[in-house]
Protein backbone atom coordinates (compact mmCIF):
# COMPACT_ATOMS: atom_id res chain seq x y z
CA MET A 1 18.42 14.13 14.97
CA ALA A 2 18.18 10.50 13.98
CA LYS A 3 14.67 9.33 13.39
CA GLY A 4 13.58 5.95 14.65
CA ARG A 5 12.93 3.27 12.10
CA VAL A 6 9.49 1.89 11.64
CA ALA A 7 9.30 -1.71 12.77
CA VAL A 8 8.71 -4.00 9.82
CA LYS A 9 6.79 -7.20 10.43
CA LYS A 10 8.88 -10.27 9.82
CA VAL A 11 7.25 -12.59 7.34
CA SER A 12 7.65 -16.33 7.36
CA CYS A 13 6.92 -19.15 4.98
CA GLU A 14 3.96 -20.12 7.15
CA GLN A 15 2.26 -16.83 6.16
CA CYS A 16 2.83 -17.40 2.43
CA TYR A 17 -0.10 -18.23 0.14
CA PHE A 18 1.85 -20.93 -1.64
CA ARG A 19 2.91 -22.68 1.58
CA CYS A 20 -0.58 -22.51 3.12
CA ASN A 21 -2.12 -24.06 0.00
CA THR A 22 0.62 -26.70 -0.37
CA LEU A 23 1.83 -25.14 -3.61
CA CYS A 24 5.37 -24.40 -2.46
CA ALA A 25 8.08 -26.74 -3.71
CA LEU A 26 10.97 -25.02 -1.90
CA ALA A 27 12.54 -26.12 1.35
CA LEU A 28 13.97 -22.84 2.62
CA ASP A 29 14.41 -21.39 6.10
CA GLU A 30 13.30 -17.93 5.02
CA PRO A 31 10.67 -16.52 2.64
CA CYS A 32 11.66 -16.51 -1.03
CA ALA A 33 11.19 -13.81 -3.66
CA SER A 34 7.81 -15.24 -4.67
CA PHE A 35 6.31 -14.68 -1.19
CA ARG A 36 2.67 -13.56 -1.32
CA PRO A 37 0.62 -13.07 1.84
CA ASN A 38 -2.15 -15.55 2.44
CA THR A 39 -5.38 -13.53 2.59
CA PRO A 40 -9.03 -14.59 2.78
CA GLU A 41 -9.52 -13.18 -0.74
CA GLY A 42 -6.93 -15.60 -2.08
CA LEU A 43 -3.94 -14.83 -4.21
CA ARG A 44 -3.80 -11.21 -5.28
CA PRO A 45 -1.16 -9.69 -7.54
CA PRO A 46 1.25 -7.23 -5.92
CA SER A 47 0.13 -3.61 -6.14
CA GLN A 48 1.56 -1.65 -9.03
CA LEU A 49 2.09 2.04 -9.59
CA ARG A 50 -0.69 3.86 -11.38
CA PHE A 51 0.11 5.48 -14.68
CA VAL A 52 -1.13 9.06 -14.74
CA PHE A 53 -1.10 11.14 -17.89
CA ARG A 54 0.20 14.65 -17.52
CA ALA A 55 -1.60 17.53 -19.14
CA GLU A 56 0.28 18.89 -22.13
CA ARG A 57 1.85 22.15 -21.11
CA ARG A 58 4.14 22.86 -24.00
CA THR A 59 3.06 23.95 -27.42
CA GLN A 60 6.62 23.79 -28.71
CA ALA A 61 9.37 21.20 -28.35
CA ALA A 62 11.92 21.83 -25.62
CA TRP A 63 14.72 21.52 -28.16
CA ALA A 64 14.76 21.53 -31.92
CA PHE A 65 17.35 21.59 -34.67
CA PRO A 66 18.15 25.10 -35.87
CA SER A 67 16.53 26.17 -39.10
CA ALA A 68 18.58 26.57 -42.29
CA GLU A 69 18.67 30.33 -41.79
CA GLU A 70 19.87 29.97 -38.19
CA GLN A 71 22.59 27.50 -39.24
CA ALA A 72 23.77 29.81 -42.04
CA ALA A 73 23.94 32.76 -39.66
CA LEU A 74 25.76 30.67 -37.05
CA HIS A 75 28.41 29.39 -39.45
CA GLY A 76 28.74 32.62 -41.43
CA GLY A 77 27.60 31.13 -44.68
């Protein structure tokens, strides 16, 4: 039941924004970690995850220190 892998497009330095705009100072045979696709809109930052606030569900902490009375009862004092 092996699923086929999705073919990933190979990127090259010729597709990089920095190489296309003569901003690249590296002489590598493969794309580097700073590769950014060259798009008509220009250089765009990589997409980031969105931060979503969760609705507060708890009215009480999940864990708390025992009260003085609970500690006394626990230790027989």
